[in-house]
Amino acid sequence: MKTRVFVSSTCYDLKQIRRDLEDFITSMGYEPVLSDSDNIAIPPGLDNIEACKWLVRNSDVFVLVIGGRYGTEDAETGKSITNIEYETAYDTGMPIYSFVDREVWAKRDTYERLKEMILDESLGKEKLRTALGKNIEDPRVFEFIDQIATAKKDSWIHPFSKAQDIADYLKNNWSLLFRELLFERRSQAKHEVGDQRTPKLRLSWIDSKGETKDSLNVMWIPGVEKELTLEHLRKLMISDEDLEIVEKQAKKLKEIPGLGTKNLSPARRVLNYAHRIGELLNIATNNFEEYAWRYRIRDRAVVPVLDLVNDGNAPASNIVVYLNSSEQVVFMTEEELNRANIDVPDEVPKEIAKIVYLAKNPPGYKFPSYNAAIPNVDLRSFINPSLLNVPRRLTVGTEDYRLRIDINGNLKHNFSQRVEEEGFYLCPKLRKGEVAEVEYECHADNIASPQGGVLKVVCGEASVAKR
């Protein structure tokens, strides 16, 4: 099947140009498509506009020739048929070659100077014809030219004096188009055959003994029971009454040496402690599953240590490794891990109990030994919300989070690279005996598509990797 070249122009004023281009296209071995030709076939039932659009869509190359006439208008849009043909070709993405009569092209500056007078109709038709020349029948051809010149693609416009100017330009540019087609075919063939030299990347865990494995053992921590946890947290609470007393005695407590720290007054230490216990009680009450996972999570977290191997036959350059979080395995930064970790004391810390005791008793009383019971510390159910901020649920960034590790330079084939990203932790959400999967992706400058796989995380009583 021959390449179809559509020639778009007004017919009456450019009749000879169209015939010359028809002969030229035929001599090149292509099929000319002209709406006024006797050799074209059009499906029945189409009006003139739809027939022209159909011919354009079924062509391969679009040649636009603009003279001094605007051409027949479409009653619905007010656009000329030539304009509609151009927009149809533009939307299909086919190559477009635009040519403008040199006399018309030379009058563009004149049109720009007269544009405002033309729009407000203050310039009579006779004066306009004198200014633009007798061959330019409608100034809207310049608006059409501006539309082409400002398009995002194929915006080059080439002036011509005779048909041979157009033929010479097309001959040179179609040769370039053919060359690009050959290059594209060679590139596609090379892609289909595939590059015989390519990297092949895979990951393995490195355990605490330095051995590479597909499965990583993580420590199992005995779980916690909800009712016992809630009962214990309530025992660690400071009562509303005691908190009010501490606030009232804040200035006097500040005067007693050894109760505060460099950054916290004694009263603030108590309030911070009470806030923390209140926050934990709120989490354990409303979302015990989250509490159970965060309980001593630091003891279960491990620094992921991996072995990246290139099993291919070419080096991999500038590698980026992604490890994906899941519902059972989450990657965290040091800061996120510290915020998420829950570790509660067995009793009210002695320094906190001492501050509360001294706030309730006049100075000079001897503080009981740390092993003695702390008197008058009322362990009631909750904190007065008016004294503290309402505890909020802590988010740990487990959704849509991927651990990214960048490896600069090249990794030679048949070589491996130890990958250890300090400051990031693997935090499992597993019970004893459960197994989770961690998906990974390896990218490199000279790898066409990501190479990936799956690593396993097993929860047992074996030693964890490097902590």
Protein backbone atom coordinates (compact mmCIF):
# COMPACT_ATOMS: atom_id res chain seq x y z
CA MET A 1 0.00 0.00 0.00
CA LYS A 2 1.38 3.41 -1.02
CA THR A 3 1.95 6.33 1.31
CA ARG A 4 -1.01 8.72 0.99
CA VAL A 5 -0.22 12.46 0.81
CA PHE A 6 -3.15 14.84 1.33
CA VAL A 7 -2.89 18.26 -0.34
CA SER A 8 -5.01 20.93 1.36
CA SER A 9 -5.63 24.35 -0.21
CA THR A 10 -8.29 26.50 -1.74
CA CYS A 11 -9.02 25.24 -5.25
CA TYR A 12 -9.86 28.19 -7.49
CA ASP A 13 -6.78 30.37 -6.96
CA LEU A 14 -4.29 27.49 -6.54
CA LYS A 15 -5.62 25.12 -9.19
CA GLN A 16 -2.36 24.86 -11.14
CA ILE A 17 -0.29 24.46 -7.95
CA ARG A 18 -2.53 21.52 -6.96
CA ARG A 19 -2.12 19.81 -10.33
CA ASP A 20 1.66 20.26 -10.24
CA LEU A 21 1.86 18.84 -6.73
CA GLU A 22 -0.34 15.91 -7.74
CA ASP A 23 2.11 15.06 -10.53
CA PHE A 24 5.11 15.48 -8.21
CA ILE A 25 3.65 13.19 -5.50
CA THR A 26 2.86 10.55 -8.13
CA SER A 27 6.41 10.75 -9.51
CA MET A 28 7.76 10.09 -6.00
CA GLY A 29 5.83 6.82 -5.89
CA TYR A 30 3.24 8.06 -3.41
CA GLU A 31 -0.53 8.37 -3.72
CA PRO A 32 -1.79 11.99 -3.97
CA VAL A 33 -5.07 12.74 -2.17
CA LEU A 34 -6.87 15.88 -3.37
CA SER A 35 -10.53 16.54 -2.65
CA ASP A 36 -11.15 17.78 -6.21
CA SER A 37 -9.43 14.82 -7.86
CA ASP A 38 -11.35 12.30 -9.93
CA ASN A 39 -9.29 9.41 -8.53
CA ILE A 40 -10.39 9.46 -4.88
CA ALA A 41 -12.94 7.16 -3.23
CA ILE A 42 -15.18 8.46 -0.43
CA PRO A 43 -17.69 6.49 1.67
CA PRO A 44 -21.31 7.30 0.77
CA GLY A 45 -23.51 9.43 3.02
CA LEU A 46 -20.90 12.04 4.01
CA ASP A 47 -21.32 15.78 3.49
CA ASN A 48 -18.48 17.89 2.08
CA ILE A 49 -16.92 18.67 5.49
CA GLU A 50 -17.09 15.08 6.76
CA ALA A 51 -15.76 13.76 3.44
CA CYS A 52 -12.72 16.04 3.65
CA LYS A 53 -12.07 15.05 7.26
CA TRP A 54 -12.36 11.36 6.34
CA LEU A 55 -9.82 11.78 3.55
CA VAL A 56 -7.39 13.52 5.92
CA ARG A 57 -7.70 10.84 8.61
CA ASN A 58 -6.99 8.15 6.03
CA SER A 59 -3.83 9.84 4.79
CA ASP A 60 -0.26 9.62 6.07
CA VAL A 61 1.22 13.05 5.29
CA PHE A 62 -0.48 16.47 5.17
CA VAL A 63 0.68 19.26 2.79
CA LEU A 64 -0.98 22.64 3.40
CA VAL A 65 -0.78 25.39 0.77
CA ILE A 66 -2.14 28.87 1.62
CA GLY A 67 -2.83 31.60 -0.94
CA GLY A 68 -4.82 34.83 -0.77
CA ARG A 69 -8.30 33.29 -0.53
CA TYR A 70 -9.84 32.12 2.77
CA GLY A 71 -12.06 29.57 1.06
CA THR A 72 -15.53 28.15 1.61
CA GLU A 73 -16.74 28.43 5.21
CA ASP A 74 -18.43 25.83 7.36
CA ALA A 75 -21.81 27.25 8.35
CA GLU A 76 -21.62 25.74 11.84
CA THR A 77 -18.11 26.83 12.90
CA GLY A 78 -17.35 29.73 10.56
CA LYS A 79 -13.99 28.13 9.75
CA SER A 80 -12.81 27.49 6.23
CA ILE A 81 -12.68 23.94 4.92
CA THR A 82 -8.89 24.27 4.62
CA ASN A 83 -8.70 25.29 8.29
CA ILE A 84 -10.82 22.29 9.31
CA GLU A 85 -8.63 19.94 7.26
CA TYR A 86 -5.53 21.33 8.98
CA GLU A 87 -6.99 20.88 12.48
CA THR A 88 -8.03 17.31 11.62
CA ALA A 89 -4.48 16.49 10.48
CA TYR A 90 -3.02 18.16 13.59
CA ASP A 91 -5.19 16.03 15.89
CA THR A 92 -4.12 12.79 14.16
CA GLY A 93 -0.43 13.58 14.74
CA MET A 94 0.62 13.05 11.12
CA PRO A 95 3.54 15.10 9.68
CA ILE A 96 2.37 18.54 8.48
CA TYR A 97 4.22 20.68 5.89
CA SER A 98 2.87 24.24 5.51
CA PHE A 99 3.53 26.61 2.61
CA VAL A 100 2.36 30.21 2.07
CA ASP A 101 2.36 32.22 -1.14
CA ARG A 102 5.36 34.55 -0.97
CA GLU A 103 3.24 37.62 -1.76
CA VAL A 104 0.88 36.80 1.11
CA TRP A 105 3.80 36.13 3.43
CA ALA A 106 5.31 39.54 2.59
CA LYS A 107 2.11 41.31 3.71
CA ARG A 108 2.09 39.91 7.28
CA ASP A 109 3.70 43.05 8.72
CA THR A 110 1.20 45.22 6.88
CA TYR A 111 -1.67 43.16 8.31
CA GLU A 112 -0.30 43.50 11.87
CA ARG A 113 -0.21 47.30 11.51
CA LEU A 114 -3.77 47.40 10.19
CA LYS A 115 -5.24 44.69 12.46
CA GLU A 116 -7.06 47.04 14.87
CA MET A 117 -8.57 49.06 12.01
CA ILE A 118 -9.70 45.84 10.34
CA LEU A 119 -11.34 44.53 13.50
CA ASP A 120 -13.30 47.72 14.20
CA GLU A 121 -14.14 48.03 10.48
CA SER A 122 -12.83 51.60 10.32
CA LEU A 123 -10.84 50.72 7.22
CA GLY A 124 -12.90 50.40 4.08
CA LYS A 125 -12.69 47.36 1.81
CA GLU A 126 -11.15 49.32 -1.04
CA LYS A 127 -8.41 50.79 1.16
CA LEU A 128 -7.80 47.33 2.68
CA ARG A 129 -7.47 45.75 -0.77
CA THR A 130 -5.07 48.51 -1.80
CA ALA A 131 -2.96 48.00 1.35
CA LEU A 132 -2.83 44.18 1.20
CA GLY A 133 -2.81 43.72 -2.60
CA LYS A 134 -5.43 42.51 -5.03
CA ASN A 135 -4.54 38.82 -4.61
CA ILE A 136 -5.40 38.79 -0.88
CA GLU A 137 -9.18 38.61 -0.82
CA ASP A 138 -9.73 37.97 2.91
CA PRO A 139 -7.47 39.12 5.81
CA ARG A 140 -8.52 36.04 7.79
CA VAL A 141 -5.82 34.10 5.96
CA PHE A 142 -3.36 35.88 8.27
CA GLU A 143 -5.21 34.62 11.34
CA PHE A 144 -4.93 31.11 9.90
CA ILE A 145 -1.19 31.63 9.35
CA ASP A 146 -0.80 32.80 12.97
CA GLN A 147 -2.62 29.68 14.17
CA ILE A 148 -0.10 27.47 12.37
CA ALA A 149 2.93 29.52 13.43
CA THR A 150 1.98 29.31 17.15
CA ALA A 151 1.12 25.59 17.17
CA LYS A 152 3.06 23.28 19.51
CA LYS A 153 4.27 21.09 16.65
CA ASP A 154 4.94 21.42 12.90
CA SER A 155 4.81 25.21 13.19
CA TRP A 156 7.36 25.93 10.44
CA ILE A 157 5.89 27.84 7.48
CA HIS A 158 7.72 28.03 4.13
CA PRO A 159 7.06 30.78 1.55
CA PHE A 160 6.85 29.68 -2.11
CA SER A 161 6.65 31.36 -5.50
CA LYS A 162 5.94 28.31 -7.66
CA ALA A 163 5.07 24.64 -7.23
CA GLN A 164 8.68 23.59 -7.79
CA ASP A 165 9.67 25.41 -4.54
CA ILE A 166 7.26 23.18 -2.63
CA ALA A 167 8.39 20.03 -4.49
CA ASP A 168 12.08 20.68 -3.76
CA TYR A 169 11.43 21.20 -0.05
CA LEU A 170 9.23 18.11 0.24
CA LYS A 171 11.76 15.94 -1.59
CA ASN A 172 14.52 16.83 0.89
CA ASN A 173 12.34 16.49 3.98
CA TRP A 174 10.70 13.24 2.94
CA SER A 175 14.18 11.81 2.56
CA LEU A 176 14.82 12.83 6.19
CA LEU A 177 11.49 11.32 7.24
CA PHE A 178 12.42 8.04 5.55
CA ARG A 179 15.81 8.04 7.30
CA GLU A 180 14.13 8.55 10.70
CA LEU A 181 11.80 5.65 9.94
CA LEU A 182 14.74 3.36 9.19
CA PHE A 183 16.48 4.44 12.40
CA GLU A 184 13.31 3.73 14.41
CA ARG A 185 13.02 0.28 12.87
CA ARG A 186 16.64 -0.52 13.71
CA SER A 187 16.12 0.65 17.28
CA GLN A 188 13.00 -1.46 17.61
CA ALA A 189 14.75 -4.51 16.21
CA LYS A 190 17.61 -4.03 18.63
CA HIS A 191 15.15 -3.75 21.51
CA GLU A 192 13.33 -6.92 20.44
CA VAL A 193 16.53 -8.92 20.13
CA GLY A 194 17.77 -7.50 23.41
CA ASP A 195 21.18 -6.40 24.51
CA GLN A 196 23.24 -9.48 25.12
CA ARG A 197 25.19 -7.70 27.86
CA THR A 198 23.03 -6.64 30.77
CA PRO A 199 23.27 -6.50 34.56
CA LYS A 200 21.15 -8.85 36.68
CA LEU A 201 20.63 -7.69 40.26
CA ARG A 202 19.27 -9.59 43.26
CA LEU A 203 19.16 -9.06 47.03
CA SER A 204 19.77 -11.32 50.02
CA TRP A 205 19.76 -10.72 53.76
CA ILE A 206 23.00 -10.80 55.73
CA ASP A 207 22.37 -12.26 59.18
CA SER A 208 24.23 -11.57 62.44
CA LYS A 209 26.84 -14.19 61.50
CA GLY A 210 27.58 -12.52 58.17
CA GLU A 211 25.88 -15.24 56.13
CA THR A 212 23.64 -14.43 53.17
CA LYS A 213 20.12 -15.84 53.33
CA ASP A 214 16.73 -15.33 51.70
CA SER A 215 15.05 -15.30 55.13
CA LEU A 216 15.77 -12.99 58.05
CA ASN A 217 14.99 -14.14 61.59
CA VAL A 218 13.64 -11.50 63.97
CA MET A 219 13.12 -11.73 67.71
CA TRP A 220 9.76 -12.70 69.15
CA ILE A 221 8.60 -10.67 72.13
CA PRO A 222 5.81 -12.16 74.27
CA GLY A 223 2.56 -10.26 73.73
CA VAL A 224 0.58 -8.24 76.23
CA GLU A 225 -2.94 -8.85 77.51
CA LYS A 226 -5.40 -6.00 77.26
CA GLU A 227 -7.06 -6.00 80.69
CA LEU A 228 -3.78 -6.47 82.55
CA THR A 229 -2.24 -3.68 80.46
CA LEU A 230 -5.10 -1.26 81.20
CA GLU A 231 -4.98 -2.09 84.90
CA HIS A 232 -1.22 -1.52 85.02
CA LEU A 233 -1.44 1.82 83.16
CA ARG A 234 -4.13 3.05 85.56
CA LYS A 235 -1.83 2.25 88.45
CA LEU A 236 0.84 4.42 86.86
CA MET A 237 -1.51 7.42 86.60
CA ILE A 238 -1.23 10.55 88.72
CA SER A 239 -4.60 11.74 90.09
CA ASP A 240 -6.27 15.02 89.14
CA GLU A 241 -5.91 16.22 92.70
CA ASP A 242 -2.19 15.52 92.86
CA LEU A 243 -1.59 17.21 89.50
CA GLU A 244 -3.36 20.35 90.71
CA ILE A 245 -1.22 20.38 93.85
CA VAL A 246 1.97 20.00 91.80
CA GLU A 247 0.94 22.95 89.61
CA LYS A 248 0.18 25.11 92.65
CA GLN A 249 3.53 24.26 94.25
CA ALA A 250 5.51 24.65 90.99
CA LYS A 251 7.54 27.66 92.18
CA LYS A 252 8.47 26.10 95.54
CA LEU A 253 9.39 22.78 93.92
CA LYS A 254 11.68 24.65 91.54
CA GLU A 255 13.66 25.96 94.52
CA ILE A 256 14.45 22.45 95.81
CA PRO A 257 17.78 21.22 94.36
CA GLY A 258 17.89 18.01 92.35
CA LEU A 259 14.21 17.79 91.39
CA GLY A 260 14.37 19.42 87.96
CA THR A 261 16.61 18.95 84.96
CA LYS A 262 18.45 21.41 82.73
CA ASN A 263 15.43 21.82 80.45
CA LEU A 264 12.48 20.81 82.65
CA SER A 265 11.16 22.14 85.92
CA PRO A 266 9.95 19.59 88.52
CA ALA A 267 6.30 20.35 87.81
CA ARG A 268 6.81 20.01 84.06
CA ARG A 269 8.48 16.63 84.58
CA VAL A 270 5.37 15.39 86.39
CA LEU A 271 3.01 16.81 83.79
CA ASN A 272 5.00 15.29 80.93
CA TYR A 273 5.00 11.92 82.65
CA ALA A 274 1.25 12.11 83.27
CA HIS A 275 0.65 13.14 79.66
CA ARG A 276 2.66 10.20 78.39
CA ILE A 277 0.81 7.66 80.54
CA GLY A 278 -2.50 9.22 79.55
CA GLU A 279 -1.56 8.94 75.89
CA LEU A 280 -0.64 5.27 76.27
CA LEU A 281 -3.87 4.55 78.15
CA ASN A 282 -5.83 6.21 75.37
CA ILE A 283 -4.11 4.08 72.70
CA ALA A 284 -4.52 0.86 74.70
CA THR A 285 -8.20 1.60 75.27
CA ASN A 286 -9.14 2.60 71.72
CA ASN A 287 -6.69 0.63 69.57
CA PHE A 288 -5.07 -2.16 71.53
CA GLU A 289 -3.73 -3.79 68.35
CA GLU A 290 -1.56 -0.73 67.71
CA TYR A 291 -0.47 -0.65 71.35
CA ALA A 292 0.53 -4.32 71.26
CA TRP A 293 2.58 -3.78 68.10
CA ARG A 294 4.37 -0.70 69.45
CA TYR A 295 5.08 -2.31 72.83
CA ARG A 296 8.88 -2.76 73.00
CA ILE A 297 9.11 -2.40 69.21
CA ARG A 298 12.69 -1.19 69.61
CA ASP A 299 13.62 -4.63 70.95
CA ARG A 300 12.28 -6.21 67.76
CA ALA A 301 13.58 -3.63 65.26
CA VAL A 302 16.68 -4.48 63.24
CA VAL A 303 18.96 -2.54 60.94
CA PRO A 304 18.45 -4.23 57.56
CA VAL A 305 21.75 -5.51 56.20
CA LEU A 306 21.63 -6.78 52.64
CA ASP A 307 23.87 -8.30 50.00
CA LEU A 308 23.36 -6.87 46.50
CA VAL A 309 24.72 -9.20 43.82
CA ASN A 310 25.16 -8.61 40.10
CA ASP A 311 24.74 -12.00 38.41
CA GLY A 312 24.65 -10.50 34.92
CA ASN A 313 27.42 -10.08 32.37
CA ALA A 314 27.71 -6.27 32.47
CA PRO A 315 28.28 -3.70 35.24
CA ALA A 316 25.28 -1.89 36.74
CA SER A 317 25.68 1.86 37.16
CA ASN A 318 24.10 4.20 39.73
CA ILE A 319 21.87 1.66 41.44
CA VAL A 320 18.79 2.57 43.48
CA VAL A 321 17.26 -0.12 45.70
CA TYR A 322 13.70 0.13 47.04
CA LEU A 323 12.33 -2.07 49.82
CA ASN A 324 8.57 -1.79 50.23
CA SER A 325 6.74 -1.62 53.54
CA SER A 326 3.71 -3.84 54.06
CA GLU A 327 1.11 -4.53 56.72
CA GLN A 328 3.53 -6.94 58.42
CA VAL A 329 6.89 -5.20 57.91
CA VAL A 330 7.45 -1.45 58.27
CA PHE A 331 10.62 0.57 57.66
CA MET A 332 11.23 3.45 60.08
CA THR A 333 13.78 6.13 60.72
CA GLU A 334 15.45 6.42 64.12
CA GLU A 335 13.15 9.32 65.01
CA GLU A 336 10.01 7.44 63.97
CA LEU A 337 11.10 4.38 65.91
CA ASN A 338 11.70 6.40 69.08
CA ARG A 339 8.26 7.98 68.80
CA ALA A 340 6.55 4.67 68.14
CA ASN A 341 8.27 2.62 70.83
CA ILE A 342 6.19 1.90 73.94
CA ASP A 343 8.03 0.83 77.06
CA VAL A 344 6.26 1.43 80.39
CA PRO A 345 7.83 1.28 83.89
CA ASP A 346 6.83 -1.31 86.45
CA GLU A 347 5.83 1.44 88.89
CA VAL A 348 5.62 5.22 89.12
CA PRO A 349 9.24 6.39 88.63
CA LYS A 350 10.77 7.28 92.00
CA GLU A 351 11.84 10.78 90.90
CA ILE A 352 8.25 11.52 89.79
CA ALA A 353 6.78 10.12 93.02
CA LYS A 354 9.26 12.21 95.04
CA ILE A 355 8.16 15.45 93.33
CA VAL A 356 4.50 14.65 93.98
CA TYR A 357 5.24 13.77 97.62
CA LEU A 358 7.20 16.99 98.27
CA ALA A 359 4.43 19.06 96.65
CA LYS A 360 1.93 17.56 99.13
CA ASN A 361 4.10 17.82 102.23
CA PRO A 362 5.79 20.88 103.83
CA PRO A 363 9.54 21.29 103.35
CA GLY A 364 11.68 19.58 105.97
CA TYR A 365 9.87 16.27 105.87
CA LYS A 366 12.25 13.42 105.36
CA PHE A 367 11.50 11.68 102.10
CA PRO A 368 10.99 7.93 102.60
CA SER A 369 13.49 5.50 101.12
CA TYR A 370 12.94 4.49 97.52
CA ASN A 371 11.90 1.03 98.64
CA ALA A 372 9.14 2.35 100.89
CA ALA A 373 5.58 2.82 99.69
CA ILE A 374 4.80 6.31 98.41
CA PRO A 375 1.97 7.68 100.58
CA ASN A 376 -1.06 9.56 99.30
CA VAL A 377 -0.51 8.93 95.58
CA ASP A 378 -4.07 8.36 94.42
CA LEU A 379 -4.05 5.96 91.47
CA ARG A 380 -7.42 6.85 89.96
CA SER A 381 -8.63 6.15 86.42
CA PHE A 382 -7.63 9.13 84.27
CA ILE A 383 -6.11 12.61 84.04
CA ASN A 384 -8.08 15.86 84.18
CA PRO A 385 -8.33 16.84 80.49
CA SER A 386 -8.27 20.53 81.39
CA LEU A 387 -4.70 20.22 82.66
CA LEU A 388 -3.21 18.43 79.65
CA ASN A 389 -3.43 18.35 75.91
CA VAL A 390 -5.76 15.70 74.57
CA PRO A 391 -3.60 12.70 73.61
CA ARG A 392 -3.50 12.10 69.88
CA ARG A 393 -2.95 8.88 68.00
CA LEU A 394 0.63 8.61 66.82
CA THR A 395 1.25 7.88 63.12
CA VAL A 396 4.41 6.09 62.09
CA GLY A 397 4.35 6.60 58.31
CA THR A 398 3.72 2.99 57.35
CA GLU A 399 1.56 3.74 54.29
CA ASP A 400 3.13 4.14 50.86
CA TYR A 401 6.60 4.25 52.40
CA ARG A 402 9.59 2.64 50.74
CA LEU A 403 13.10 2.39 52.06
CA ARG A 404 15.40 3.79 49.39
CA ILE A 405 19.11 3.03 49.20
CA ASP A 406 21.31 4.76 46.63
CA ILE A 407 24.53 3.15 45.45
CA ASN A 408 26.72 5.45 43.39
CA GLY A 409 29.18 4.22 40.79
CA ASN A 410 29.28 0.80 39.15
CA LEU A 411 28.72 -2.70 40.50
CA LYS A 412 30.71 -5.06 38.29
CA HIS A 413 29.21 -8.32 37.11
CA ASN A 414 29.89 -11.31 39.37
CA PHE A 415 30.52 -8.88 42.25
CA SER A 416 28.46 -8.11 45.34
CA GLN A 417 27.97 -5.03 47.51
CA ARG A 418 27.11 -5.01 51.20
CA VAL A 419 24.20 -2.61 51.71
CA GLU A 420 23.66 -1.32 55.23
CA GLU A 421 21.63 1.85 55.70
CA GLU A 422 22.28 3.25 59.16
CA GLY A 423 19.42 5.26 60.63
CA PHE A 424 16.69 3.04 59.19
CA TYR A 425 15.09 0.06 60.88
CA LEU A 426 13.00 -2.91 59.83
CA CYS A 427 10.11 -3.25 62.30
CA PRO A 428 8.11 -6.50 62.06
CA LYS A 429 4.44 -6.82 63.00
CA LEU A 430 4.66 -10.58 63.46
CA ARG A 431 3.69 -13.16 66.03
CA LYS A 432 5.87 -16.14 66.83
CA GLY A 433 6.15 -18.47 63.84
CA GLU A 434 4.67 -16.02 61.30
CA VAL A 435 6.40 -15.25 57.98
CA ALA A 436 6.21 -11.97 56.05
CA GLU A 437 7.43 -11.02 52.59
CA VAL A 438 9.36 -7.88 51.64
CA GLU A 439 9.22 -6.91 47.97
CA TYR A 440 12.23 -5.10 46.52
CA GLU A 441 13.10 -3.31 43.29
CA CYS A 442 16.54 -2.61 41.83
CA HIS A 443 16.96 0.24 39.35
CA ALA A 444 20.09 1.26 37.42
CA ASP A 445 20.97 3.64 34.61
CA ASN A 446 21.63 0.79 32.19
CA ILE A 447 18.64 -1.42 33.12
CA ALA A 448 15.56 -0.88 30.94
CA SER A 449 13.02 -2.00 33.57
CA PRO A 450 13.25 -2.61 37.35
CA GLN A 451 14.57 -5.96 38.54
CA GLY A 452 12.95 -7.22 41.72
CA GLY A 453 12.13 -10.11 43.95
CA VAL A 454 10.89 -11.09 47.40
CA LEU A 455 12.73 -11.54 50.70
CA LYS A 456 11.25 -13.26 53.75
CA VAL A 457 11.12 -12.20 57.39
CA VAL A 458 10.54 -14.98 59.93
CA CYS A 459 9.52 -14.33 63.54
CA GLY A 460 11.16 -16.76 65.92
CA GLU A 461 13.47 -16.91 68.91
CA ALA A 462 16.71 -16.73 66.91
CA SER A 463 19.09 -13.82 67.27
CA VAL A 464 18.30 -10.67 65.36
CA ALA A 465 20.59 -9.08 62.80
CA LYS A 466 22.80 -6.14 63.70
CA ARG A 467 21.06 -3.77 66.12
